[in-house]
Amino acid sequence: MASAAPATIKISSATRASRVESVQSLRGLAALAVAFFHFTGGNGPTNVPAAAWTVGFYGQLGIEVFFVISGFILPYSLWRAGYRFSVQNVFRFVWKRLVRLDPPYFATIGLVLLLGYLSTHVAGYRGDPFQFNVKQIALHIGYLSALFGQPWLNPVFWTLAIEFQFYILIALIYPLLSSGNRTARVATTLLLASVGLLHPATRTISSYLPIFACGIAGFQYFTGISGKRETSFVLLAAIAILCARIGIAEAIISIATVILIVAIPSWTSPTLSFFGTISYSVYLLHLPIGVRVMNLVARLPYSPAVGLGSLAAAFAATIVAAYIFYRLVEKPSMRYAASIRFKE
């Protein structure tokens, strides 16, 4: 089964080696949006101005941006690396992703446990008693917590579980997604997008596959594997499923993300690019660090100034912590992951 672009499509070495700059800036924007969503109270307003909560509510759509990016960038990285399907390469790819993501993930688990313990010993603490069990922690290995009905130590970990399931899936079906056989390629992509309708579930990837499929369609078009008509057909189908299964706002942000990546790949913002570089660390730390800062500020008498000040303090603490975390934990794991190569 072929795993490269059709022979009739000529891809230059420059294109194969090029980076898609827009992805980095979108990562930064998505991480900040999700942090803003949680800092402003998530699904319910907290000690911030009402206008901030109204805007912040839509920050949760950053999750869709992350999923579309993964749908695009993971097969794109395999395409650039000349990935060929084999059992050995499947394991290498999954190992490469785990080496990249797990050290920061496990370090965050340790930080959450430490901060949870210390928080209960701060004067004036009014939260629940600090408690955990070995099973709850152990199920974080392999991202299994939700499947066994155990709470995540950090609520954002649920998306890492979805991403991990996608890593395994993409390593197995990439040859079909990049096949020169149009029927096999389209059928596979549409089947992915349709799984959410056939098997809706919030604890597995199935519900979110239409979002990943949008990114995959963008990858196929960007690399020349598919043309405009095929890509438009697949995207329209995925968007229709998204509207029916998840929501119109999620569908709009998904298609907008694909268009921005594919149509303006060179778009970048120095500021957003910086946040894109540390986006994984921002994503992991904004709840254990930023929300704790907001909780401290919440002890002051409320005023709009205090509410906005708590937001600024939460972002500042998160960004500083994320940058240090990136340099000490995330960057070394990235270097090691980059050293892992696929077998020809």
C-alpha atoms as a PDB file:
ATOM      1  CA  MET A   1       0.000   0.000   0.000  1.00  0.00           C
ATOM      2  CA  ALA A   2       1.498   3.309  -1.051  1.00  0.00           C
ATOM      3  CA  SER A   3       2.347   5.863   1.635  1.00  0.00           C
ATOM      4  CA  ALA A   4       3.542   8.741  -0.491  1.00  0.00           C
ATOM      5  CA  ALA A   5       1.932  11.292  -2.787  1.00  0.00           C
ATOM      6  CA  PRO A   6       0.752  10.093  -6.200  1.00  0.00           C
ATOM      7  CA  ALA A   7       3.495   9.819  -8.796  1.00  0.00           C
ATOM      8  CA  THR A   8       1.792  12.429 -10.967  1.00  0.00           C
ATOM      9  CA  ILE A   9       2.204  15.085  -8.275  1.00  0.00           C
ATOM     10  CA  LYS A  10       5.612  16.682  -8.099  1.00  0.00           C
ATOM     11  CA  ILE A  11       6.683  17.943  -4.699  1.00  0.00           C
ATOM     12  CA  SER A  12       9.848  20.019  -4.539  1.00  0.00           C
ATOM     13  CA  SER A  13      12.471  19.350  -1.886  1.00  0.00           C
ATOM     14  CA  ALA A  14      12.012  22.935  -0.679  1.00  0.00           C
ATOM     15  CA  THR A  15       8.305  22.308  -0.054  1.00  0.00           C
ATOM     16  CA  ARG A  16       9.012  19.040   1.726  1.00  0.00           C
ATOM     17  CA  ALA A  17      11.530  20.748   4.019  1.00  0.00           C
ATOM     18  CA  SER A  18       9.464  23.873   4.654  1.00  0.00           C
ATOM     19  CA  ARG A  19       7.879  24.749   7.986  1.00  0.00           C
ATOM     20  CA  VAL A  20       4.317  25.942   8.249  1.00  0.00           C
ATOM     21  CA  GLU A  21       4.849  29.086  10.319  1.00  0.00           C
ATOM     22  CA  SER A  22       1.150  29.743  10.881  1.00  0.00           C
ATOM     23  CA  VAL A  23       0.888  26.587  12.995  1.00  0.00           C
ATOM     24  CA  GLN A  24       3.227  27.962  15.659  1.00  0.00           C
ATOM     25  CA  SER A  25       1.313  31.216  16.018  1.00  0.00           C
ATOM     26  CA  LEU A  26      -1.998  29.358  16.123  1.00  0.00           C
ATOM     27  CA  ARG A  27      -0.672  27.157  18.909  1.00  0.00           C
ATOM     28  CA  GLY A  28       0.202  30.244  20.909  1.00  0.00           C
ATOM     29  CA  LEU A  29      -3.204  31.794  20.303  1.00  0.00           C
ATOM     30  CA  ALA A  30      -4.990  28.564  21.251  1.00  0.00           C
ATOM     31  CA  ALA A  31      -3.026  28.130  24.492  1.00  0.00           C
ATOM     32  CA  LEU A  32      -3.735  31.709  25.573  1.00  0.00           C
ATOM     33  CA  ALA A  33      -7.417  31.321  24.662  1.00  0.00           C
ATOM     34  CA  VAL A  34      -7.840  28.175  26.766  1.00  0.00           C
ATOM     35  CA  ALA A  35      -6.023  29.816  29.690  1.00  0.00           C
ATOM     36  CA  PHE A  36      -8.303  32.852  29.392  1.00  0.00           C
ATOM     37  CA  PHE A  37     -11.332  30.561  29.398  1.00  0.00           C
ATOM     38  CA  HIS A  38     -10.262  28.983  32.688  1.00  0.00           C
ATOM     39  CA  PHE A  39      -9.077  32.224  34.280  1.00  0.00           C
ATOM     40  CA  THR A  40     -12.435  33.867  33.648  1.00  0.00           C
ATOM     41  CA  GLY A  41     -14.351  31.042  35.263  1.00  0.00           C
ATOM     42  CA  GLY A  42     -14.787  28.507  32.489  1.00  0.00           C
ATOM     43  CA  ASN A  43     -18.471  27.663  32.360  1.00  0.00           C
ATOM     44  CA  GLY A  44     -19.427  30.069  35.127  1.00  0.00           C
ATOM     45  CA  PRO A  45     -18.353  33.633  36.017  1.00  0.00           C
ATOM     46  CA  THR A  46     -15.979  34.199  38.931  1.00  0.00           C
ATOM     47  CA  ASN A  47     -14.293  37.290  40.380  1.00  0.00           C
ATOM     48  CA  VAL A  48     -13.671  38.948  37.009  1.00  0.00           C
ATOM     49  CA  PRO A  49     -15.707  41.586  35.159  1.00  0.00           C
ATOM     50  CA  ALA A  50     -18.718  40.157  33.321  1.00  0.00           C
ATOM     51  CA  ALA A  51     -17.363  41.337  29.962  1.00  0.00           C
ATOM     52  CA  ALA A  52     -14.155  39.357  30.521  1.00  0.00           C
ATOM     53  CA  TRP A  53     -16.157  36.218  31.272  1.00  0.00           C
ATOM     54  CA  THR A  54     -18.319  36.715  28.154  1.00  0.00           C
ATOM     55  CA  VAL A  55     -15.231  36.908  25.944  1.00  0.00           C
ATOM     56  CA  GLY A  56     -13.364  34.245  27.882  1.00  0.00           C
ATOM     57  CA  PHE A  57     -16.181  31.732  27.450  1.00  0.00           C
ATOM     58  CA  TYR A  58     -15.205  31.319  23.788  1.00  0.00           C
ATOM     59  CA  GLY A  59     -11.606  30.613  24.721  1.00  0.00           C
ATOM     60  CA  GLN A  60     -12.565  26.958  25.060  1.00  0.00           C
ATOM     61  CA  LEU A  61     -12.597  26.830  21.255  1.00  0.00           C
ATOM     62  CA  GLY A  62      -8.820  26.788  21.487  1.00  0.00           C
ATOM     63  CA  ILE A  63      -9.201  23.035  22.016  1.00  0.00           C
ATOM     64  CA  GLU A  64     -10.635  22.696  18.503  1.00  0.00           C
ATOM     65  CA  VAL A  65      -7.697  24.688  17.153  1.00  0.00           C
ATOM     66  CA  PHE A  66      -5.266  22.270  18.826  1.00  0.00           C
ATOM     67  CA  PHE A  67      -7.086  19.240  17.408  1.00  0.00           C
ATOM     68  CA  VAL A  68      -7.149  20.680  13.869  1.00  0.00           C
ATOM     69  CA  ILE A  69      -3.430  21.468  14.140  1.00  0.00           C
ATOM     70  CA  SER A  70      -2.709  17.876  15.189  1.00  0.00           C
ATOM     71  CA  GLY A  71      -4.825  16.575  12.317  1.00  0.00           C
ATOM     72  CA  PHE A  72      -2.678  18.620   9.941  1.00  0.00           C
ATOM     73  CA  ILE A  73       0.796  18.582  11.457  1.00  0.00           C
ATOM     74  CA  LEU A  74       1.149  14.922  12.438  1.00  0.00           C
ATOM     75  CA  PRO A  75       0.555  13.435   8.962  1.00  0.00           C
ATOM     76  CA  TYR A  76       2.523  16.375   7.525  1.00  0.00           C
ATOM     77  CA  SER A  77       5.506  15.522   9.731  1.00  0.00           C
ATOM     78  CA  LEU A  78       5.257  11.877   8.647  1.00  0.00           C
ATOM     79  CA  TRP A  79       5.097  12.965   5.021  1.00  0.00           C
ATOM     80  CA  ARG A  80       8.175  15.155   5.406  1.00  0.00           C
ATOM     81  CA  ALA A  81      10.049  12.335   7.134  1.00  0.00           C
ATOM     82  CA  GLY A  82       9.234   9.863   4.364  1.00  0.00           C
ATOM     83  CA  TYR A  83       7.398   7.586   6.792  1.00  0.00           C
ATOM     84  CA  ARG A  84       6.825   4.029   5.624  1.00  0.00           C
ATOM     85  CA  PHE A  85       4.402   1.782   7.432  1.00  0.00           C
ATOM     86  CA  SER A  86       5.911  -1.047   9.447  1.00  0.00           C
ATOM     87  CA  VAL A  87       5.374  -2.377  12.947  1.00  0.00           C
ATOM     88  CA  GLN A  88       8.761  -0.970  13.925  1.00  0.00           C
ATOM     89  CA  ASN A  89       7.951   2.488  12.576  1.00  0.00           C
ATOM     90  CA  VAL A  90       4.558   2.520  14.323  1.00  0.00           C
ATOM     91  CA  PHE A  91       6.300   1.919  17.643  1.00  0.00           C
ATOM     92  CA  ARG A  92       9.001   4.453  16.796  1.00  0.00           C
ATOM     93  CA  PHE A  93       6.413   7.102  16.007  1.00  0.00           C
ATOM     94  CA  VAL A  94       4.436   6.497  19.205  1.00  0.00           C
ATOM     95  CA  TRP A  95       7.664   6.432  21.223  1.00  0.00           C
ATOM     96  CA  LYS A  96       8.787   9.662  19.564  1.00  0.00           C
ATOM     97  CA  ARG A  97       5.552  11.371  20.609  1.00  0.00           C
ATOM     98  CA  LEU A  98       5.700   9.997  24.152  1.00  0.00           C
ATOM     99  CA  VAL A  99       9.293  11.141  24.572  1.00  0.00           C
ATOM    100  CA  ARG A 100       8.228  14.592  23.391  1.00  0.00           C
ATOM    101  CA  LEU A 101       5.141  14.946  25.608  1.00  0.00           C
ATOM    102  CA  ASP A 102       5.484  12.677  28.638  1.00  0.00           C
ATOM    103  CA  PRO A 103       8.381  14.295  30.560  1.00  0.00           C
ATOM    104  CA  PRO A 104       6.483  17.626  30.868  1.00  0.00           C
ATOM    105  CA  TYR A 105       3.280  15.681  31.546  1.00  0.00           C
ATOM    106  CA  PHE A 106       4.783  13.666  34.397  1.00  0.00           C
ATOM    107  CA  ALA A 107       6.584  16.726  35.755  1.00  0.00           C
ATOM    108  CA  THR A 108       3.227  18.525  35.852  1.00  0.00           C
ATOM    109  CA  ILE A 109       1.687  15.608  37.744  1.00  0.00           C
ATOM    110  CA  GLY A 110       4.433  15.933  40.353  1.00  0.00           C
ATOM    111  CA  LEU A 111       3.898  19.692  40.535  1.00  0.00           C
ATOM    112  CA  VAL A 112       0.124  19.301  40.945  1.00  0.00           C
ATOM    113  CA  LEU A 113       0.621  16.853  43.811  1.00  0.00           C
ATOM    114  CA  LEU A 114       3.165  19.103  45.496  1.00  0.00           C
ATOM    115  CA  LEU A 115       1.042  22.247  45.151  1.00  0.00           C
ATOM    116  CA  GLY A 116      -2.048  20.365  46.288  1.00  0.00           C
ATOM    117  CA  TYR A 117      -0.290  19.294  49.444  1.00  0.00           C
ATOM    118  CA  LEU A 118       1.237  22.706  50.153  1.00  0.00           C
ATOM    119  CA  SER A 119      -2.024  24.556  49.481  1.00  0.00           C
ATOM    120  CA  THR A 120      -3.828  22.761  52.279  1.00  0.00           C
ATOM    121  CA  HIS A 121      -1.191  24.011  54.734  1.00  0.00           C
ATOM    122  CA  VAL A 122      -1.563  27.688  53.812  1.00  0.00           C
ATOM    123  CA  ALA A 123      -3.280  29.786  56.463  1.00  0.00           C
ATOM    124  CA  GLY A 124      -6.880  30.500  55.550  1.00  0.00           C
ATOM    125  CA  TYR A 125      -7.188  27.578  53.096  1.00  0.00           C
ATOM    126  CA  ARG A 126     -10.886  26.904  52.437  1.00  0.00           C
ATOM    127  CA  GLY A 127     -10.825  24.156  49.824  1.00  0.00           C
ATOM    128  CA  ASP A 128     -11.268  20.395  50.052  1.00  0.00           C
ATOM    129  CA  PRO A 129      -8.712  18.320  51.977  1.00  0.00           C
ATOM    130  CA  PHE A 130      -5.740  17.199  49.896  1.00  0.00           C
ATOM    131  CA  GLN A 131      -6.190  13.567  48.941  1.00  0.00           C
ATOM    132  CA  PHE A 132      -5.288  11.164  46.177  1.00  0.00           C
ATOM    133  CA  ASN A 133      -4.899   7.435  45.702  1.00  0.00           C
ATOM    134  CA  VAL A 134      -2.315   5.284  43.995  1.00  0.00           C
ATOM    135  CA  LYS A 135      -4.815   4.008  41.411  1.00  0.00           C
ATOM    136  CA  GLN A 136      -5.716   7.533  40.379  1.00  0.00           C
ATOM    137  CA  ILE A 137      -2.065   8.413  39.804  1.00  0.00           C
ATOM    138  CA  ALA A 138      -1.178   5.103  38.125  1.00  0.00           C
ATOM    139  CA  LEU A 139      -3.956   5.473  35.552  1.00  0.00           C
ATOM    140  CA  HIS A 140      -2.309   8.666  34.327  1.00  0.00           C
ATOM    141  CA  ILE A 141       0.328   6.387  32.789  1.00  0.00           C
ATOM    142  CA  GLY A 142      -1.006   5.751  29.311  1.00  0.00           C
ATOM    143  CA  TYR A 143      -3.691   8.444  29.726  1.00  0.00           C
ATOM    144  CA  LEU A 144      -6.228   5.929  31.029  1.00  0.00           C
ATOM    145  CA  SER A 145      -7.930   7.879  33.820  1.00  0.00           C
ATOM    146  CA  ALA A 146     -11.179   8.747  32.021  1.00  0.00           C
ATOM    147  CA  LEU A 147     -11.581   5.224  30.659  1.00  0.00           C
ATOM    148  CA  PHE A 148     -11.654   3.904  34.222  1.00  0.00           C
ATOM    149  CA  GLY A 149     -13.803   6.685  35.640  1.00  0.00           C
ATOM    150  CA  GLN A 150     -11.001   8.317  37.621  1.00  0.00           C
ATOM    151  CA  PRO A 151     -10.595  12.113  37.784  1.00  0.00           C
ATOM    152  CA  TRP A 152      -7.601  13.768  36.168  1.00  0.00           C
ATOM    153  CA  LEU A 153      -5.150  15.434  38.536  1.00  0.00           C
ATOM    154  CA  ASN A 154      -5.105  18.337  36.087  1.00  0.00           C
ATOM    155  CA  PRO A 155      -8.421  18.780  34.201  1.00  0.00           C
ATOM    156  CA  VAL A 156      -6.687  19.670  30.893  1.00  0.00           C
ATOM    157  CA  PHE A 157      -5.129  16.205  30.759  1.00  0.00           C
ATOM    158  CA  TRP A 158      -8.262  14.870  29.060  1.00  0.00           C
ATOM    159  CA  THR A 159      -7.145  16.442  25.789  1.00  0.00           C
ATOM    160  CA  LEU A 160      -3.746  14.743  26.041  1.00  0.00           C
ATOM    161  CA  ALA A 161      -5.575  11.412  26.240  1.00  0.00           C
ATOM    162  CA  ILE A 162      -7.464  12.264  23.037  1.00  0.00           C
ATOM    163  CA  GLU A 163      -4.221  13.324  21.338  1.00  0.00           C
ATOM    164  CA  PHE A 164      -2.491  10.112  22.411  1.00  0.00           C
ATOM    165  CA  GLN A 165      -5.276   8.041  20.849  1.00  0.00           C
ATOM    166  CA  PHE A 166      -4.828  10.062  17.651  1.00  0.00           C
ATOM    167  CA  TYR A 167      -1.071   9.335  17.615  1.00  0.00           C
ATOM    168  CA  ILE A 168      -1.714   5.615  17.566  1.00  0.00           C
ATOM    169  CA  LEU A 169      -4.446   5.969  14.954  1.00  0.00           C
ATOM    170  CA  ILE A 170      -2.436   8.161  12.571  1.00  0.00           C
ATOM    171  CA  ALA A 171       0.598   5.856  12.726  1.00  0.00           C
ATOM    172  CA  LEU A 172      -1.621   2.974  11.619  1.00  0.00           C
ATOM    173  CA  ILE A 173      -3.707   4.603   8.879  1.00  0.00           C
ATOM    174  CA  TYR A 174      -1.305   7.191   7.457  1.00  0.00           C
ATOM    175  CA  PRO A 175      -0.639   5.051   4.342  1.00  0.00           C
ATOM    176  CA  LEU A 176      -4.347   5.226   3.487  1.00  0.00           C
ATOM    177  CA  LEU A 177      -4.603   8.965   4.148  1.00  0.00           C
ATOM    178  CA  SER A 178      -1.642   9.680   1.850  1.00  0.00           C
ATOM    179  CA  SER A 179      -2.444   7.010  -0.733  1.00  0.00           C
ATOM    180  CA  GLY A 180      -2.392   7.713  -4.438  1.00  0.00           C
ATOM    181  CA  ASN A 181      -5.679   5.809  -4.634  1.00  0.00           C
ATOM    182  CA  ARG A 182      -8.353   8.490  -4.374  1.00  0.00           C
ATOM    183  CA  THR A 183     -11.109   6.083  -3.356  1.00  0.00           C
ATOM    184  CA  ALA A 184      -9.063   4.665  -0.472  1.00  0.00           C
ATOM    185  CA  ARG A 185      -7.956   8.137   0.609  1.00  0.00           C
ATOM    186  CA  VAL A 186     -11.395   9.760   0.579  1.00  0.00           C
ATOM    187  CA  ALA A 187     -13.154   6.764   2.095  1.00  0.00           C
ATOM    188  CA  THR A 188     -10.688   6.619   4.980  1.00  0.00           C
ATOM    189  CA  THR A 189     -10.915  10.338   5.736  1.00  0.00           C
ATOM    190  CA  LEU A 190     -14.720  10.349   5.548  1.00  0.00           C
ATOM    191  CA  LEU A 191     -14.937   7.232   7.707  1.00  0.00           C
ATOM    192  CA  LEU A 192     -12.866   9.000  10.358  1.00  0.00           C
ATOM    193  CA  ALA A 193     -15.141  12.028  10.262  1.00  0.00           C
ATOM    194  CA  SER A 194     -18.244   9.811  10.493  1.00  0.00           C
ATOM    195  CA  VAL A 195     -17.179   7.744  13.500  1.00  0.00           C
ATOM    196  CA  GLY A 196     -18.496  10.395  15.882  1.00  0.00           C
ATOM    197  CA  LEU A 197     -21.986   9.858  14.507  1.00  0.00           C
ATOM    198  CA  LEU A 198     -21.726   6.097  14.729  1.00  0.00           C
ATOM    199  CA  HIS A 199     -20.081   5.943  18.145  1.00  0.00           C
ATOM    200  CA  PRO A 200     -20.404   9.176  20.120  1.00  0.00           C
ATOM    201  CA  ALA A 201     -18.351   9.049  23.323  1.00  0.00           C
ATOM    202  CA  THR A 202     -16.792  11.789  25.398  1.00  0.00           C
ATOM    203  CA  ARG A 203     -14.031   9.617  26.883  1.00  0.00           C
ATOM    204  CA  THR A 204     -12.472   8.570  23.587  1.00  0.00           C
ATOM    205  CA  ILE A 205     -11.378  10.207  20.369  1.00  0.00           C
ATOM    206  CA  SER A 206     -14.503   9.212  18.426  1.00  0.00           C
ATOM    207  CA  SER A 207     -16.467  12.397  19.104  1.00  0.00           C
ATOM    208  CA  TYR A 208     -13.560  14.588  18.017  1.00  0.00           C
ATOM    209  CA  LEU A 209     -12.545  12.766  14.840  1.00  0.00           C
ATOM    210  CA  PRO A 210     -14.443  15.224  12.561  1.00  0.00           C
ATOM    211  CA  ILE A 211     -12.165  17.970  13.905  1.00  0.00           C
ATOM    212  CA  PHE A 212      -9.024  15.929  13.271  1.00  0.00           C
ATOM    213  CA  ALA A 213     -10.395  15.078   9.813  1.00  0.00           C
ATOM    214  CA  CYS A 214     -10.482  18.786   8.953  1.00  0.00           C
ATOM    215  CA  GLY A 215      -6.774  19.009   9.657  1.00  0.00           C
ATOM    216  CA  ILE A 216      -6.105  15.838   7.674  1.00  0.00           C
ATOM    217  CA  ALA A 217      -7.961  17.265   4.654  1.00  0.00           C
ATOM    218  CA  GLY A 218      -5.810  20.386   4.943  1.00  0.00           C
ATOM    219  CA  PHE A 219      -2.670  18.228   4.978  1.00  0.00           C
ATOM    220  CA  GLN A 220      -3.773  16.326   1.883  1.00  0.00           C
ATOM    221  CA  TYR A 221      -4.412  19.534  -0.036  1.00  0.00           C
ATOM    222  CA  PHE A 222      -1.301  21.369   1.178  1.00  0.00           C
ATOM    223  CA  THR A 223       1.006  18.554   0.078  1.00  0.00           C
ATOM    224  CA  GLY A 224      -0.702  18.123  -3.295  1.00  0.00           C
ATOM    225  CA  ILE A 225      -2.045  14.677  -2.446  1.00  0.00           C
ATOM    226  CA  SER A 226      -5.598  15.864  -3.109  1.00  0.00           C
ATOM    227  CA  GLY A 227      -7.071  18.615  -5.256  1.00  0.00           C
ATOM    228  CA  LYS A 228      -9.541  21.413  -4.548  1.00  0.00           C
ATOM    229  CA  ARG A 229     -12.697  19.445  -5.335  1.00  0.00           C
ATOM    230  CA  GLU A 230     -11.750  16.452  -3.228  1.00  0.00           C
ATOM    231  CA  THR A 231     -10.641  18.642  -0.325  1.00  0.00           C
ATOM    232  CA  SER A 232     -13.779  20.780  -0.480  1.00  0.00           C
ATOM    233  CA  PHE A 233     -15.978  17.671  -0.506  1.00  0.00           C
ATOM    234  CA  VAL A 234     -14.209  16.132   2.505  1.00  0.00           C
ATOM    235  CA  LEU A 235     -14.216  19.408   4.445  1.00  0.00           C
ATOM    236  CA  LEU A 236     -17.901  20.049   3.806  1.00  0.00           C
ATOM    237  CA  ALA A 237     -18.734  16.536   5.002  1.00  0.00           C
ATOM    238  CA  ALA A 238     -16.605  16.942   8.137  1.00  0.00           C
ATOM    239  CA  ILE A 239     -18.120  20.352   8.885  1.00  0.00           C
ATOM    240  CA  ALA A 240     -21.670  18.996   8.457  1.00  0.00           C
ATOM    241  CA  ILE A 241     -20.885  16.198  10.920  1.00  0.00           C
ATOM    242  CA  LEU A 242     -19.307  18.706  13.303  1.00  0.00           C
ATOM    243  CA  CYS A 243     -22.403  20.897  13.236  1.00  0.00           C
ATOM    244  CA  ALA A 244     -24.612  17.895  13.953  1.00  0.00           C
ATOM    245  CA  ARG A 245     -22.395  16.261  16.562  1.00  0.00           C
ATOM    246  CA  ILE A 246     -20.653  19.094  18.452  1.00  0.00           C
ATOM    247  CA  GLY A 247     -21.790  22.571  17.414  1.00  0.00           C
ATOM    248  CA  ILE A 248     -21.718  25.373  14.876  1.00  0.00           C
ATOM    249  CA  ALA A 249     -19.092  27.437  16.724  1.00  0.00           C
ATOM    250  CA  GLU A 250     -16.736  24.445  16.793  1.00  0.00           C
ATOM    251  CA  ALA A 251     -17.339  23.871  13.080  1.00  0.00           C
ATOM    252  CA  ILE A 252     -16.595  27.516  12.235  1.00  0.00           C
ATOM    253  CA  ILE A 253     -13.362  27.615  14.224  1.00  0.00           C
ATOM    254  CA  SER A 254     -12.243  24.285  12.746  1.00  0.00           C
ATOM    255  CA  ILE A 255     -12.711  25.373   9.134  1.00  0.00           C
ATOM    256  CA  ALA A 256     -11.179  28.791   9.853  1.00  0.00           C
ATOM    257  CA  THR A 257      -8.096  27.107  11.326  1.00  0.00           C
ATOM    258  CA  VAL A 258      -7.665  24.858   8.284  1.00  0.00           C
ATOM    259  CA  ILE A 259      -8.020  27.776   5.876  1.00  0.00           C
ATOM    260  CA  LEU A 260      -5.484  29.870   7.770  1.00  0.00           C
ATOM    261  CA  ILE A 261      -2.938  27.043   7.864  1.00  0.00           C
ATOM    262  CA  VAL A 262      -3.281  26.125   4.196  1.00  0.00           C
ATOM    263  CA  ALA A 263      -3.940  29.518   2.613  1.00  0.00           C
ATOM    264  CA  ILE A 264      -1.433  31.568   4.627  1.00  0.00           C
ATOM    265  CA  PRO A 265       1.257  29.093   5.781  1.00  0.00           C
ATOM    266  CA  SER A 266       3.840  31.862   6.141  1.00  0.00           C
ATOM    267  CA  TRP A 267       1.660  33.960   8.471  1.00  0.00           C
ATOM    268  CA  THR A 268       3.333  34.556  11.784  1.00  0.00           C
ATOM    269  CA  SER A 269       3.337  36.925  14.701  1.00  0.00           C
ATOM    270  CA  PRO A 270       6.542  37.204  16.752  1.00  0.00           C
ATOM    271  CA  THR A 271       4.537  37.456  19.954  1.00  0.00           C
ATOM    272  CA  LEU A 272       2.186  34.582  19.165  1.00  0.00           C
ATOM    273  CA  SER A 273       5.115  32.552  17.842  1.00  0.00           C
ATOM    274  CA  PHE A 274       6.830  32.926  21.211  1.00  0.00           C
ATOM    275  CA  PHE A 275       3.711  31.718  22.974  1.00  0.00           C
ATOM    276  CA  GLY A 276       3.489  28.919  20.411  1.00  0.00           C
ATOM    277  CA  THR A 277       6.967  27.803  21.407  1.00  0.00           C
ATOM    278  CA  ILE A 278       5.946  27.501  25.058  1.00  0.00           C
ATOM    279  CA  SER A 279       2.296  26.649  24.355  1.00  0.00           C
ATOM    280  CA  TYR A 280       2.483  23.104  25.727  1.00  0.00           C
ATOM    281  CA  SER A 281       3.981  24.365  28.973  1.00  0.00           C
ATOM    282  CA  VAL A 282       1.384  27.168  29.164  1.00  0.00           C
ATOM    283  CA  TYR A 283      -1.355  24.627  28.602  1.00  0.00           C
ATOM    284  CA  LEU A 284      -0.075  22.296  31.320  1.00  0.00           C
ATOM    285  CA  LEU A 285       0.613  24.957  33.936  1.00  0.00           C
ATOM    286  CA  HIS A 286      -2.125  27.551  33.592  1.00  0.00           C
ATOM    287  CA  LEU A 287      -4.481  25.703  35.969  1.00  0.00           C
ATOM    288  CA  PRO A 288      -2.074  24.671  38.750  1.00  0.00           C
ATOM    289  CA  ILE A 289      -0.219  28.023  38.622  1.00  0.00           C
ATOM    290  CA  GLY A 290      -2.505  30.695  37.176  1.00  0.00           C
ATOM    291  CA  VAL A 291      -5.730  29.690  38.870  1.00  0.00           C
ATOM    292  CA  ARG A 292      -3.958  29.499  42.239  1.00  0.00           C
ATOM    293  CA  VAL A 293      -2.769  33.074  41.751  1.00  0.00           C
ATOM    294  CA  MET A 294      -6.347  34.127  41.017  1.00  0.00           C
ATOM    295  CA  ASN A 295      -7.554  32.330  44.123  1.00  0.00           C
ATOM    296  CA  LEU A 296      -5.059  34.293  46.223  1.00  0.00           C
ATOM    297  CA  VAL A 297      -6.153  37.601  44.703  1.00  0.00           C
ATOM    298  CA  ALA A 298      -9.809  36.614  45.279  1.00  0.00           C
ATOM    299  CA  ARG A 299      -9.245  37.120  49.011  1.00  0.00           C
ATOM    300  CA  LEU A 300      -9.139  40.873  48.397  1.00  0.00           C
ATOM    301  CA  PRO A 301     -12.372  42.905  48.365  1.00  0.00           C
ATOM    302  CA  TYR A 302     -13.749  42.670  44.843  1.00  0.00           C
ATOM    303  CA  SER A 303     -13.669  45.545  42.379  1.00  0.00           C
ATOM    304  CA  PRO A 304     -13.284  45.608  38.574  1.00  0.00           C
ATOM    305  CA  ALA A 305      -9.665  46.670  39.051  1.00  0.00           C
ATOM    306  CA  VAL A 306      -8.991  43.722  41.345  1.00  0.00           C
ATOM    307  CA  GLY A 307     -10.692  41.378  38.876  1.00  0.00           C
ATOM    308  CA  LEU A 308      -8.579  42.584  35.955  1.00  0.00           C
ATOM    309  CA  GLY A 309      -5.499  42.603  38.156  1.00  0.00           C
ATOM    310  CA  SER A 310      -6.071  38.974  39.054  1.00  0.00           C
ATOM    311  CA  LEU A 311      -6.241  38.106  35.352  1.00  0.00           C
ATOM    312  CA  ALA A 312      -2.989  39.953  34.652  1.00  0.00           C
ATOM    313  CA  ALA A 313      -1.276  38.301  37.631  1.00  0.00           C
ATOM    314  CA  ALA A 314      -2.487  34.859  36.574  1.00  0.00           C
ATOM    315  CA  PHE A 315      -1.171  35.286  33.034  1.00  0.00           C
ATOM    316  CA  ALA A 316       2.143  36.723  34.251  1.00  0.00           C
ATOM    317  CA  ALA A 317       2.722  33.874  36.705  1.00  0.00           C
ATOM    318  CA  THR A 318       1.730  31.265  34.114  1.00  0.00           C
ATOM    319  CA  ILE A 319       3.980  32.683  31.396  1.00  0.00           C
ATOM    320  CA  VAL A 320       7.021  32.966  33.662  1.00  0.00           C
ATOM    321  CA  ALA A 321       6.493  29.457  35.028  1.00  0.00           C
ATOM    322  CA  ALA A 322       5.852  28.073  31.522  1.00  0.00           C
ATOM    323  CA  TYR A 323       9.034  29.607  30.115  1.00  0.00           C
ATOM    324  CA  ILE A 324      11.159  28.144  32.924  1.00  0.00           C
ATOM    325  CA  PHE A 325       9.371  24.810  32.554  1.00  0.00           C
ATOM    326  CA  TYR A 326       9.954  24.881  28.793  1.00  0.00           C
ATOM    327  CA  ARG A 327      13.692  25.485  29.182  1.00  0.00           C
ATOM    328  CA  LEU A 328      14.245  22.941  31.940  1.00  0.00           C
ATOM    329  CA  VAL A 329      11.831  20.148  31.030  1.00  0.00           C
ATOM    330  CA  GLU A 330      10.171  20.501  27.655  1.00  0.00           C
ATOM    331  CA  LYS A 331      13.097  21.568  25.473  1.00  0.00           C
ATOM    332  CA  PRO A 332      15.362  18.633  26.463  1.00  0.00           C
ATOM    333  CA  SER A 333      12.545  16.184  25.705  1.00  0.00           C
ATOM    334  CA  MET A 334      12.055  17.850  22.307  1.00  0.00           C
ATOM    335  CA  ARG A 335      15.739  17.341  21.472  1.00  0.00           C
ATOM    336  CA  TYR A 336      15.592  13.671  22.344  1.00  0.00           C
ATOM    337  CA  ALA A 337      12.394  13.144  20.363  1.00  0.00           C
ATOM    338  CA  ALA A 338      13.961  14.830  17.315  1.00  0.00           C
ATOM    339  CA  SER A 339      16.815  12.306  17.415  1.00  0.00           C
ATOM    340  CA  ILE A 340      14.467   9.370  16.847  1.00  0.00           C
ATOM    341  CA  ARG A 341      14.377   8.383  13.169  1.00  0.00           C
ATOM    342  CA  PHE A 342      12.149   6.068  11.195  1.00  0.00           C
ATOM    343  CA  LYS A 343      13.504   2.978   9.468  1.00  0.00           C
ATOM    344  CA  GLU A 344      13.568   3.113   5.672  1.00  0.00           C
END
